[in-house]
Amino acid sequence: MDLQDQLKNLFPDHVPEPSEETNHSEDDDLWLQDDPIICKYEKRKGKPITILEGYTGADSDFKQLAKELKTTLGVGGSFKNDTIIIQGDYRDQIMAILKDKGFSVKRVGG
């Protein structure tokens, strides 16, 4: 007996509302721009970080991209002031991921 059956037994008069879940990939939602995204490397407090900037689309799309990059790479990072900050030097992997998504990426510094 699964959870739905248990709920039906407890509340026989309840009619469940149809869920509005969409099963489309996140790649379709991102806006691809003509200008390249800048991928640069810095050291802050002696620790390496990778910075992505130059995205001209919506902030929500850039936040979604940041979350996807962090989960794919398994690293920490943040989204501040229209830039994505990834902990560590992952320029090559990030550039490969972005090129697979259709973005043009420009490597700056090093």
PDB file of N, CA and C in Angstrom:
ATOM      1  N   MET A   1       0.855  -1.170   0.000  1.00  0.00           N
ATOM      2  CA  MET A   1       0.000   0.000   0.000  1.00  0.00           C
ATOM      3  C   MET A   1       0.905   1.238   0.000  1.00  0.00           C
ATOM      4  N   ASP A   2       0.770   2.068  -1.004  1.00  0.00           N
ATOM      5  CA  ASP A   2       1.606   3.265  -1.087  1.00  0.00           C
ATOM      6  C   ASP A   2       0.908   4.457  -0.438  1.00  0.00           C
ATOM      7  N   LEU A   3       1.559   5.580  -0.473  1.00  0.00           N
ATOM      8  CA  LEU A   3       1.065   6.766   0.205  1.00  0.00           C
ATOM      9  C   LEU A   3      -0.264   7.256  -0.375  1.00  0.00           C
ATOM     10  N   GLN A   4      -0.434   7.181  -1.674  1.00  0.00           N
ATOM     11  CA  GLN A   4      -1.686   7.623  -2.299  1.00  0.00           C
ATOM     12  C   GLN A   4      -2.872   6.796  -1.812  1.00  0.00           C
ATOM     13  N   ASP A   5      -2.675   5.487  -1.699  1.00  0.00           N
ATOM     14  CA  ASP A   5      -3.750   4.624  -1.209  1.00  0.00           C
ATOM     15  C   ASP A   5      -4.092   4.929   0.250  1.00  0.00           C
ATOM     16  N   GLN A   6      -3.080   5.189   1.062  1.00  0.00           N
ATOM     17  CA  GLN A   6      -3.322   5.534   2.454  1.00  0.00           C
ATOM     18  C   GLN A   6      -4.094   6.838   2.574  1.00  0.00           C
ATOM     19  N   LEU A   7      -3.748   7.815   1.741  1.00  0.00           N
ATOM     20  CA  LEU A   7      -4.461   9.090   1.767  1.00  0.00           C
ATOM     21  C   LEU A   7      -5.908   8.927   1.318  1.00  0.00           C
ATOM     22  N   LYS A   8      -6.136   8.067   0.331  1.00  0.00           N
ATOM     23  CA  LYS A   8      -7.507   7.822  -0.117  1.00  0.00           C
ATOM     24  C   LYS A   8      -8.337   7.169   0.991  1.00  0.00           C
ATOM     25  N   ASN A   9      -7.714   6.287   1.777  1.00  0.00           N
ATOM     26  CA  ASN A   9      -8.418   5.656   2.887  1.00  0.00           C
ATOM     27  C   ASN A   9      -8.755   6.663   3.987  1.00  0.00           C
ATOM     28  N   LEU A  10      -7.831   7.584   4.233  1.00  0.00           N
ATOM     29  CA  LEU A  10      -8.064   8.575   5.289  1.00  0.00           C
ATOM     30  C   LEU A  10      -9.045   9.660   4.855  1.00  0.00           C
ATOM     31  N   PHE A  11      -8.968  10.085   3.602  1.00  0.00           N
ATOM     32  CA  PHE A  11      -9.811  11.177   3.091  1.00  0.00           C
ATOM     33  C   PHE A  11     -10.523  10.716   1.818  1.00  0.00           C
ATOM     34  N   PRO A  12     -11.623   9.960   1.952  1.00  0.00           N
ATOM     35  CA  PRO A  12     -12.285   9.402   0.765  1.00  0.00           C
ATOM     36  C   PRO A  12     -12.958  10.461  -0.107  1.00  0.00           C
ATOM     37  N   ASP A  13     -13.340  11.624   0.464  1.00  0.00           N
ATOM     38  CA  ASP A  13     -14.040  12.639  -0.319  1.00  0.00           C
ATOM     39  C   ASP A  13     -13.088  13.578  -1.067  1.00  0.00           C
ATOM     40  N   HIS A  14     -11.809  13.521  -0.758  1.00  0.00           N
ATOM     41  CA  HIS A  14     -10.841  14.454  -1.357  1.00  0.00           C
ATOM     42  C   HIS A  14     -10.544  14.079  -2.811  1.00  0.00           C
ATOM     43  N   VAL A  15     -10.580  15.098  -3.671  1.00  0.00           N
ATOM     44  CA  VAL A  15     -10.220  14.902  -5.075  1.00  0.00           C
ATOM     45  C   VAL A  15      -8.864  15.581  -5.286  1.00  0.00           C
ATOM     46  N   PRO A  16      -7.833  14.834  -5.651  1.00  0.00           N
ATOM     47  CA  PRO A  16      -6.511  15.451  -5.814  1.00  0.00           C
ATOM     48  C   PRO A  16      -6.480  16.407  -7.013  1.00  0.00           C
ATOM     49  N   GLU A  17      -5.756  17.507  -6.823  1.00  0.00           N
ATOM     50  CA  GLU A  17      -5.614  18.471  -7.903  1.00  0.00           C
ATOM     51  C   GLU A  17      -4.551  17.980  -8.881  1.00  0.00           C
ATOM     52  N   PRO A  18      -4.728  18.239 -10.154  1.00  0.00           N
ATOM     53  CA  PRO A  18      -3.700  17.822 -11.110  1.00  0.00           C
ATOM     54  C   PRO A  18      -2.434  18.649 -10.907  1.00  0.00           C
ATOM     55  N   SER A  19      -1.311  17.979 -10.898  1.00  0.00           N
ATOM     56  CA  SER A  19      -0.045  18.688 -10.701  1.00  0.00           C
ATOM     57  C   SER A  19       0.401  19.299 -12.029  1.00  0.00           C
ATOM     58  N   GLU A  20       1.050  20.437 -11.916  1.00  0.00           N
ATOM     59  CA  GLU A  20       1.495  21.153 -13.115  1.00  0.00           C
ATOM     60  C   GLU A  20       2.995  21.012 -13.289  1.00  0.00           C
ATOM     61  N   GLU A  21       3.510  19.820 -13.127  1.00  0.00           N
ATOM     62  CA  GLU A  21       4.937  19.590 -13.294  1.00  0.00           C
ATOM     63  C   GLU A  21       5.246  19.487 -14.780  1.00  0.00           C
ATOM     64  N   THR A  22       6.334  20.124 -15.160  1.00  0.00           N
ATOM     65  CA  THR A  22       6.782  20.043 -16.543  1.00  0.00           C
ATOM     66  C   THR A  22       8.083  19.277 -16.573  1.00  0.00           C
ATOM     67  N   ASN A  23       8.217  18.417 -17.531  1.00  0.00           N
ATOM     68  CA  ASN A  23       9.409  17.594 -17.664  1.00  0.00           C
ATOM     69  C   ASN A  23      10.241  18.042 -18.860  1.00  0.00           C
ATOM     70  N   HIS A  24      10.735  19.265 -18.800  1.00  0.00           N
ATOM     71  CA  HIS A  24      11.617  19.723 -19.857  1.00  0.00           C
ATOM     72  C   HIS A  24      12.983  20.005 -19.261  1.00  0.00           C
ATOM     73  N   SER A  25      14.000  19.917 -20.082  1.00  0.00           N
ATOM     74  CA  SER A  25      15.348  20.081 -19.558  1.00  0.00           C
ATOM     75  C   SER A  25      15.656  21.546 -19.294  1.00  0.00           C
ATOM     76  N   GLU A  26      16.656  21.778 -18.454  1.00  0.00           N
ATOM     77  CA  GLU A  26      17.030  23.137 -18.100  1.00  0.00           C
ATOM     78  C   GLU A  26      17.716  23.844 -19.259  1.00  0.00           C
ATOM     79  N   ASP A  27      18.267  23.091 -20.192  1.00  0.00           N
ATOM     80  CA  ASP A  27      18.976  23.704 -21.313  1.00  0.00           C
ATOM     81  C   ASP A  27      18.045  24.553 -22.167  1.00  0.00           C
ATOM     82  N   ASP A  28      16.768  24.180 -22.249  1.00  0.00           N
ATOM     83  CA  ASP A  28      15.835  24.909 -23.094  1.00  0.00           C
ATOM     84  C   ASP A  28      15.512  26.281 -22.537  1.00  0.00           C
ATOM     85  N   ASP A  29      15.656  26.473 -21.222  1.00  0.00           N
ATOM     86  CA  ASP A  29      15.264  27.714 -20.590  1.00  0.00           C
ATOM     87  C   ASP A  29      16.328  28.794 -20.659  1.00  0.00           C
ATOM     88  N   LEU A  30      17.576  28.421 -20.866  1.00  0.00           N
ATOM     89  CA  LEU A  30      18.657  29.397 -20.831  1.00  0.00           C
ATOM     90  C   LEU A  30      18.701  30.198 -22.125  1.00  0.00           C
ATOM     91  N   TRP A  31      18.929  31.490 -21.970  1.00  0.00           N
ATOM     92  CA  TRP A  31      19.026  32.374 -23.123  1.00  0.00           C
ATOM     93  C   TRP A  31      20.466  32.398 -23.584  1.00  0.00           C
ATOM     94  N   LEU A  32      20.711  32.072 -24.858  1.00  0.00           N
ATOM     95  CA  LEU A  32      22.051  32.073 -25.419  1.00  0.00           C
ATOM     96  C   LEU A  32      22.326  33.438 -26.029  1.00  0.00           C
ATOM     97  N   GLN A  33      23.468  33.998 -25.699  1.00  0.00           N
ATOM     98  CA  GLN A  33      23.808  35.337 -26.156  1.00  0.00           C
ATOM     99  C   GLN A  33      24.878  35.278 -27.234  1.00  0.00           C
ATOM    100  N   ASP A  34      25.051  36.403 -27.934  1.00  0.00           N
ATOM    101  CA  ASP A  34      26.063  36.480 -28.983  1.00  0.00           C
ATOM    102  C   ASP A  34      27.451  36.767 -28.408  1.00  0.00           C
ATOM    103  N   ASP A  35      27.531  37.627 -27.389  1.00  0.00           N
ATOM    104  CA  ASP A  35      28.811  37.967 -26.782  1.00  0.00           C
ATOM    105  C   ASP A  35      29.306  36.801 -25.931  1.00  0.00           C
ATOM    106  N   PRO A  36      30.624  36.597 -25.885  1.00  0.00           N
ATOM    107  CA  PRO A  36      31.134  35.474 -25.079  1.00  0.00           C
ATOM    108  C   PRO A  36      31.064  35.754 -23.582  1.00  0.00           C
ATOM    109  N   ILE A  37      30.925  34.686 -22.825  1.00  0.00           N
ATOM    110  CA  ILE A  37      30.998  34.766 -21.370  1.00  0.00           C
ATOM    111  C   ILE A  37      32.479  34.749 -21.005  1.00  0.00           C
ATOM    112  N   ILE A  38      32.889  35.653 -20.129  1.00  0.00           N
ATOM    113  CA  ILE A  38      34.283  35.765 -19.725  1.00  0.00           C
ATOM    114  C   ILE A  38      34.554  34.785 -18.588  1.00  0.00           C
ATOM    115  N   CYS A  39      35.562  33.936 -18.768  1.00  0.00           N
ATOM    116  CA  CYS A  39      35.946  32.947 -17.765  1.00  0.00           C
ATOM    117  C   CYS A  39      37.360  33.287 -17.323  1.00  0.00           C
ATOM    118  N   LYS A  40      37.512  33.770 -16.074  1.00  0.00           N
ATOM    119  CA  LYS A  40      38.846  34.151 -15.620  1.00  0.00           C
ATOM    120  C   LYS A  40      39.184  33.511 -14.290  1.00  0.00           C
ATOM    121  N   TYR A  41      40.483  33.532 -14.005  1.00  0.00           N
ATOM    122  CA  TYR A  41      41.044  32.871 -12.836  1.00  0.00           C
ATOM    123  C   TYR A  41      41.657  33.931 -11.928  1.00  0.00           C
ATOM    124  N   GLU A  42      41.392  33.822 -10.635  1.00  0.00           N
ATOM    125  CA  GLU A  42      41.975  34.727  -9.651  1.00  0.00           C
ATOM    126  C   GLU A  42      42.332  33.938  -8.405  1.00  0.00           C
ATOM    127  N   LYS A  43      43.112  34.581  -7.550  1.00  0.00           N
ATOM    128  CA  LYS A  43      43.376  34.024  -6.225  1.00  0.00           C
ATOM    129  C   LYS A  43      42.897  35.046  -5.221  1.00  0.00           C
ATOM    130  N   ARG A  44      42.080  34.603  -4.302  1.00  0.00           N
ATOM    131  CA  ARG A  44      41.594  35.453  -3.221  1.00  0.00           C
ATOM    132  C   ARG A  44      41.950  34.778  -1.907  1.00  0.00           C
ATOM    133  N   LYS A  45      42.662  35.508  -1.080  1.00  0.00           N
ATOM    134  CA  LYS A  45      43.138  34.991   0.205  1.00  0.00           C
ATOM    135  C   LYS A  45      43.943  33.714   0.009  1.00  0.00           C
ATOM    136  N   GLY A  46      44.701  33.655  -1.072  1.00  0.00           N
ATOM    137  CA  GLY A  46      45.564  32.520  -1.348  1.00  0.00           C
ATOM    138  C   GLY A  46      44.870  31.311  -1.936  1.00  0.00           C
ATOM    139  N   LYS A  47      43.570  31.404  -2.176  1.00  0.00           N
ATOM    140  CA  LYS A  47      42.824  30.265  -2.718  1.00  0.00           C
ATOM    141  C   LYS A  47      42.374  30.565  -4.139  1.00  0.00           C
ATOM    142  N   PRO A  48      42.465  29.582  -5.033  1.00  0.00           N
ATOM    143  CA  PRO A  48      42.068  29.820  -6.431  1.00  0.00           C
ATOM    144  C   PRO A  48      40.550  29.839  -6.603  1.00  0.00           C
ATOM    145  N   ILE A  49      40.069  30.731  -7.461  1.00  0.00           N
ATOM    146  CA  ILE A  49      38.652  30.779  -7.810  1.00  0.00           C
ATOM    147  C   ILE A  49      38.525  31.011  -9.307  1.00  0.00           C
ATOM    148  N   THR A  50      37.425  30.586  -9.861  1.00  0.00           N
ATOM    149  CA  THR A  50      37.086  30.814 -11.255  1.00  0.00           C
ATOM    150  C   THR A  50      35.885  31.743 -11.292  1.00  0.00           C
ATOM    151  N   ILE A  51      35.982  32.796 -12.109  1.00  0.00           N
ATOM    152  CA  ILE A  51      34.924  33.802 -12.174  1.00  0.00           C
ATOM    153  C   ILE A  51      34.334  33.804 -13.576  1.00  0.00           C
ATOM    154  N   LEU A  52      33.006  33.762 -13.656  1.00  0.00           N
ATOM    155  CA  LEU A  52      32.283  33.859 -14.922  1.00  0.00           C
ATOM    156  C   LEU A  52      31.474  35.144 -14.906  1.00  0.00           C
ATOM    157  N   GLU A  53      31.630  35.956 -15.949  1.00  0.00           N
ATOM    158  CA  GLU A  53      30.883  37.207 -16.020  1.00  0.00           C
ATOM    159  C   GLU A  53      30.614  37.534 -17.478  1.00  0.00           C
ATOM    160  N   GLY A  54      29.720  38.498 -17.682  1.00  0.00           N
ATOM    161  CA  GLY A  54      29.417  38.938 -19.032  1.00  0.00           C
ATOM    162  C   GLY A  54      28.125  38.367 -19.593  1.00  0.00           C
ATOM    163  N   TYR A  55      27.291  37.746 -18.764  1.00  0.00           N
ATOM    164  CA  TYR A  55      26.014  37.208 -19.232  1.00  0.00           C
ATOM    165  C   TYR A  55      25.001  38.344 -19.264  1.00  0.00           C
ATOM    166  N   THR A  56      24.322  38.519 -20.387  1.00  0.00           N
ATOM    167  CA  THR A  56      23.398  39.640 -20.537  1.00  0.00           C
ATOM    168  C   THR A  56      21.934  39.232 -20.421  1.00  0.00           C
ATOM    169  N   GLY A  57      21.666  37.980 -20.084  1.00  0.00           N
ATOM    170  CA  GLY A  57      20.286  37.516 -19.948  1.00  0.00           C
ATOM    171  C   GLY A  57      19.730  37.813 -18.567  1.00  0.00           C
ATOM    172  N   ALA A  58      18.684  37.111 -18.208  1.00  0.00           N
ATOM    173  CA  ALA A  58      18.029  37.305 -16.917  1.00  0.00           C
ATOM    174  C   ALA A  58      18.885  36.735 -15.786  1.00  0.00           C
ATOM    175  N   ASP A  59      18.769  37.362 -14.619  1.00  0.00           N
ATOM    176  CA  ASP A  59      19.524  36.898 -13.460  1.00  0.00           C
ATOM    177  C   ASP A  59      19.119  35.484 -13.061  1.00  0.00           C
ATOM    178  N   SER A  60      17.845  35.166 -13.208  1.00  0.00           N
ATOM    179  CA  SER A  60      17.384  33.834 -12.811  1.00  0.00           C
ATOM    180  C   SER A  60      18.031  32.753 -13.682  1.00  0.00           C
ATOM    181  N   ASP A  61      18.236  33.045 -14.981  1.00  0.00           N
ATOM    182  CA  ASP A  61      18.906  32.085 -15.855  1.00  0.00           C
ATOM    183  C   ASP A  61      20.355  31.886 -15.438  1.00  0.00           C
ATOM    184  N   PHE A  62      21.022  32.991 -15.068  1.00  0.00           N
ATOM    185  CA  PHE A  62      22.422  32.910 -14.671  1.00  0.00           C
ATOM    186  C   PHE A  62      22.561  32.175 -13.339  1.00  0.00           C
ATOM    187  N   LYS A  63      21.611  32.371 -12.422  1.00  0.00           N
ATOM    188  CA  LYS A  63      21.611  31.645 -11.153  1.00  0.00           C
ATOM    189  C   LYS A  63      21.409  30.155 -11.396  1.00  0.00           C
ATOM    190  N   GLN A  64      20.522  29.831 -12.318  1.00  0.00           N
ATOM    191  CA  GLN A  64      20.272  28.432 -12.659  1.00  0.00           C
ATOM    192  C   GLN A  64      21.528  27.796 -13.246  1.00  0.00           C
ATOM    193  N   LEU A  65      22.221  28.541 -14.097  1.00  0.00           N
ATOM    194  CA  LEU A  65      23.465  28.055 -14.678  1.00  0.00           C
ATOM    195  C   LEU A  65      24.516  27.854 -13.587  1.00  0.00           C
ATOM    196  N   ALA A  66      24.583  28.771 -12.623  1.00  0.00           N
ATOM    197  CA  ALA A  66      25.541  28.646 -11.520  1.00  0.00           C
ATOM    198  C   ALA A  66      25.270  27.384 -10.711  1.00  0.00           C
ATOM    199  N   LYS A  67      24.016  27.142 -10.416  1.00  0.00           N
ATOM    200  CA  LYS A  67      23.662  25.956  -9.630  1.00  0.00           C
ATOM    201  C   LYS A  67      24.020  24.680 -10.387  1.00  0.00           C
ATOM    202  N   GLU A  68      23.747  24.667 -11.682  1.00  0.00           N
ATOM    203  CA  GLU A  68      24.054  23.482 -12.478  1.00  0.00           C
ATOM    204  C   GLU A  68      25.559  23.235 -12.555  1.00  0.00           C
ATOM    205  N   LEU A  69      26.346  24.298 -12.705  1.00  0.00           N
ATOM    206  CA  LEU A  69      27.799  24.144 -12.749  1.00  0.00           C
ATOM    207  C   LEU A  69      28.335  23.622 -11.419  1.00  0.00           C
ATOM    208  N   LYS A  70      27.828  24.156 -10.323  1.00  0.00           N
ATOM    209  CA  LYS A  70      28.310  23.735  -9.003  1.00  0.00           C
ATOM    210  C   LYS A  70      27.974  22.271  -8.741  1.00  0.00           C
ATOM    211  N   THR A  71      26.781  21.843  -9.106  1.00  0.00           N
ATOM    212  CA  THR A  71      26.415  20.448  -8.862  1.00  0.00           C
ATOM    213  C   THR A  71      27.158  19.506  -9.798  1.00  0.00           C
ATOM    214  N   THR A  72      27.385  19.927 -11.037  1.00  0.00           N
ATOM    215  CA  THR A  72      28.104  19.081 -11.983  1.00  0.00           C
ATOM    216  C   THR A  72      29.553  18.883 -11.546  1.00  0.00           C
ATOM    217  N   LEU A  73      30.188  19.964 -11.114  1.00  0.00           N
ATOM    218  CA  LEU A  73      31.585  19.886 -10.701  1.00  0.00           C
ATOM    219  C   LEU A  73      31.757  19.403  -9.268  1.00  0.00           C
ATOM    220  N   GLY A  74      30.711  19.484  -8.474  1.00  0.00           N
ATOM    221  CA  GLY A  74      30.792  19.057  -7.089  1.00  0.00           C
ATOM    222  C   GLY A  74      31.609  20.003  -6.230  1.00  0.00           C
ATOM    223  N   VAL A  75      31.494  21.299  -6.495  1.00  0.00           N
ATOM    224  CA  VAL A  75      32.256  22.303  -5.760  1.00  0.00           C
ATOM    225  C   VAL A  75      31.317  23.372  -5.222  1.00  0.00           C
ATOM    226  N   GLY A  76      31.860  24.226  -4.380  1.00  0.00           N
ATOM    227  CA  GLY A  76      31.096  25.338  -3.850  1.00  0.00           C
ATOM    228  C   GLY A  76      31.248  26.557  -4.720  1.00  0.00           C
ATOM    229  N   GLY A  77      30.445  27.543  -4.451  1.00  0.00           N
ATOM    230  CA  GLY A  77      30.517  28.779  -5.203  1.00  0.00           C
ATOM    231  C   GLY A  77      29.350  29.664  -4.849  1.00  0.00           C
ATOM    232  N   SER A  78      29.257  30.799  -5.538  1.00  0.00           N
ATOM    233  CA  SER A  78      28.170  31.725  -5.254  1.00  0.00           C
ATOM    234  C   SER A  78      27.850  32.536  -6.497  1.00  0.00           C
ATOM    235  N   PHE A  79      26.744  33.273  -6.409  1.00  0.00           N
ATOM    236  CA  PHE A  79      26.317  34.177  -7.468  1.00  0.00           C
ATOM    237  C   PHE A  79      26.174  35.551  -6.838  1.00  0.00           C
ATOM    238  N   LYS A  80      27.056  36.484  -7.215  1.00  0.00           N
ATOM    239  CA  LYS A  80      27.026  37.831  -6.657  1.00  0.00           C
ATOM    240  C   LYS A  80      27.318  38.846  -7.755  1.00  0.00           C
ATOM    241  N   ASN A  81      26.583  39.938  -7.742  1.00  0.00           N
ATOM    242  CA  ASN A  81      26.839  41.073  -8.628  1.00  0.00           C
ATOM    243  C   ASN A  81      26.969  40.660 -10.097  1.00  0.00           C
ATOM    244  N   ASP A  82      26.051  39.854 -10.578  1.00  0.00           N
ATOM    245  CA  ASP A  82      26.034  39.378 -11.965  1.00  0.00           C
ATOM    246  C   ASP A  82      27.288  38.595 -12.340  1.00  0.00           C
ATOM    247  N   THR A  83      27.916  37.929 -11.394  1.00  0.00           N
ATOM    248  CA  THR A  83      29.055  37.054 -11.663  1.00  0.00           C
ATOM    249  C   THR A  83      28.851  35.739 -10.923  1.00  0.00           C
ATOM    250  N   ILE A  84      29.379  34.677 -11.502  1.00  0.00           N
ATOM    251  CA  ILE A  84      29.390  33.370 -10.850  1.00  0.00           C
ATOM    252  C   ILE A  84      30.805  33.146 -10.337  1.00  0.00           C
ATOM    253  N   ILE A  85      30.931  32.821  -9.063  1.00  0.00           N
ATOM    254  CA  ILE A  85      32.227  32.547  -8.459  1.00  0.00           C
ATOM    255  C   ILE A  85      32.249  31.076  -8.076  1.00  0.00           C
ATOM    256  N   ILE A  86      33.179  30.319  -8.667  1.00  0.00           N
ATOM    257  CA  ILE A  86      33.330  28.889  -8.405  1.00  0.00           C
ATOM    258  C   ILE A  86      34.636  28.690  -7.656  1.00  0.00           C
ATOM    259  N   GLN A  87      34.595  27.928  -6.568  1.00  0.00           N
ATOM    260  CA  GLN A  87      35.800  27.670  -5.786  1.00  0.00           C
ATOM    261  C   GLN A  87      36.689  26.680  -6.512  1.00  0.00           C
ATOM    262  N   GLY A  88      37.937  27.077  -6.769  1.00  0.00           N
ATOM    263  CA  GLY A  88      38.897  26.211  -7.428  1.00  0.00           C
ATOM    264  C   GLY A  88      39.131  26.632  -8.864  1.00  0.00           C
ATOM    265  N   ASP A  89      40.155  26.054  -9.475  1.00  0.00           N
ATOM    266  CA  ASP A  89      40.500  26.353 -10.863  1.00  0.00           C
ATOM    267  C   ASP A  89      39.878  25.291 -11.767  1.00  0.00           C
ATOM    268  N   TYR A  90      38.676  25.588 -12.262  1.00  0.00           N
ATOM    269  CA  TYR A  90      37.935  24.662 -13.113  1.00  0.00           C
ATOM    270  C   TYR A  90      37.646  25.286 -14.476  1.00  0.00           C
ATOM    271  N   ARG A  91      38.558  26.114 -14.965  1.00  0.00           N
ATOM    272  CA  ARG A  91      38.294  26.831 -16.217  1.00  0.00           C
ATOM    273  C   ARG A  91      38.050  25.883 -17.384  1.00  0.00           C
ATOM    274  N   ASP A  92      38.881  24.863 -17.520  1.00  0.00           N
ATOM    275  CA  ASP A  92      38.738  23.955 -18.662  1.00  0.00           C
ATOM    276  C   ASP A  92      37.410  23.200 -18.630  1.00  0.00           C
ATOM    277  N   GLN A  93      37.037  22.674 -17.461  1.00  0.00           N
ATOM    278  CA  GLN A  93      35.791  21.936 -17.343  1.00  0.00           C
ATOM    279  C   GLN A  93      34.581  22.849 -17.552  1.00  0.00           C
ATOM    280  N   ILE A  94      34.632  24.054 -16.984  1.00  0.00           N
ATOM    281  CA  ILE A  94      33.517  24.993 -17.126  1.00  0.00           C
ATOM    282  C   ILE A  94      33.355  25.415 -18.577  1.00  0.00           C
ATOM    283  N   MET A  95      34.481  25.688 -19.238  1.00  0.00           N
ATOM    284  CA  MET A  95      34.406  26.085 -20.647  1.00  0.00           C
ATOM    285  C   MET A  95      33.836  24.962 -21.506  1.00  0.00           C
ATOM    286  N   ALA A  96      34.198  23.718 -21.201  1.00  0.00           N
ATOM    287  CA  ALA A  96      33.662  22.582 -21.957  1.00  0.00           C
ATOM    288  C   ALA A  96      32.155  22.440 -21.734  1.00  0.00           C
ATOM    289  N   ILE A  97      31.711  22.599 -20.486  1.00  0.00           N
ATOM    290  CA  ILE A  97      30.282  22.488 -20.177  1.00  0.00           C
ATOM    291  C   ILE A  97      29.496  23.582 -20.892  1.00  0.00           C
ATOM    292  N   LEU A  98      30.009  24.823 -20.840  1.00  0.00           N
ATOM    293  CA  LEU A  98      29.303  25.941 -21.471  1.00  0.00           C
ATOM    294  C   LEU A  98      29.274  25.804 -22.987  1.00  0.00           C
ATOM    295  N   LYS A  99      30.354  25.301 -23.579  1.00  0.00           N
ATOM    296  CA  LYS A  99      30.363  25.107 -25.036  1.00  0.00           C
ATOM    297  C   LYS A  99      29.376  24.018 -25.446  1.00  0.00           C
ATOM    298  N   ASP A 100      29.223  22.985 -24.609  1.00  0.00           N
ATOM    299  CA  ASP A 100      28.238  21.943 -24.900  1.00  0.00           C
ATOM    300  C   ASP A 100      26.817  22.495 -24.854  1.00  0.00           C
ATOM    301  N   LYS A 101      26.597  23.501 -24.015  1.00  0.00           N
ATOM    302  CA  LYS A 101      25.277  24.122 -23.912  1.00  0.00           C
ATOM    303  C   LYS A 101      25.026  25.113 -25.037  1.00  0.00           C
ATOM    304  N   GLY A 102      26.067  25.502 -25.773  1.00  0.00           N
ATOM    305  CA  GLY A 102      25.888  26.411 -26.886  1.00  0.00           C
ATOM    306  C   GLY A 102      26.390  27.817 -26.646  1.00  0.00           C
ATOM    307  N   PHE A 103      26.986  28.078 -25.489  1.00  0.00           N
ATOM    308  CA  PHE A 103      27.535  29.398 -25.186  1.00  0.00           C
ATOM    309  C   PHE A 103      28.893  29.560 -25.854  1.00  0.00           C
ATOM    310  N   SER A 104      29.243  30.810 -26.155  1.00  0.00           N
ATOM    311  CA  SER A 104      30.611  31.094 -26.559  1.00  0.00           C
ATOM    312  C   SER A 104      31.334  31.610 -25.316  1.00  0.00           C
ATOM    313  N   VAL A 105      32.549  31.104 -25.089  1.00  0.00           N
ATOM    314  CA  VAL A 105      33.288  31.397 -23.870  1.00  0.00           C
ATOM    315  C   VAL A 105      34.652  31.936 -24.244  1.00  0.00           C
ATOM    316  N   LYS A 106      35.093  32.968 -23.536  1.00  0.00           N
ATOM    317  CA  LYS A 106      36.408  33.537 -23.765  1.00  0.00           C
ATOM    318  C   LYS A 106      37.218  33.380 -22.487  1.00  0.00           C
ATOM    319  N   ARG A 107      38.410  32.788 -22.616  1.00  0.00           N
ATOM    320  CA  ARG A 107      39.282  32.566 -21.474  1.00  0.00           C
ATOM    321  C   ARG A 107      40.166  33.796 -21.289  1.00  0.00           C
ATOM    322  N   VAL A 108      40.189  34.317 -20.063  1.00  0.00           N
ATOM    323  CA  VAL A 108      40.963  35.516 -19.770  1.00  0.00           C
ATOM    324  C   VAL A 108      41.921  35.204 -18.633  1.00  0.00           C
ATOM    325  N   GLY A 109      43.178  35.560 -18.796  1.00  0.00           N
ATOM    326  CA  GLY A 109      44.175  35.403 -17.747  1.00  0.00           C
ATOM    327  C   GLY A 109      44.696  33.990 -17.628  1.00  0.00           C
ATOM    328  N   GLY A 110      45.924  33.798 -17.987  1.00  0.00           N
ATOM    329  CA  GLY A 110      46.589  32.503 -17.803  1.00  0.00           C
ATOM    330  C   GLY A 110      46.263  31.518 -18.833  1.00  0.00           C
TER     331      GLY A 110
END
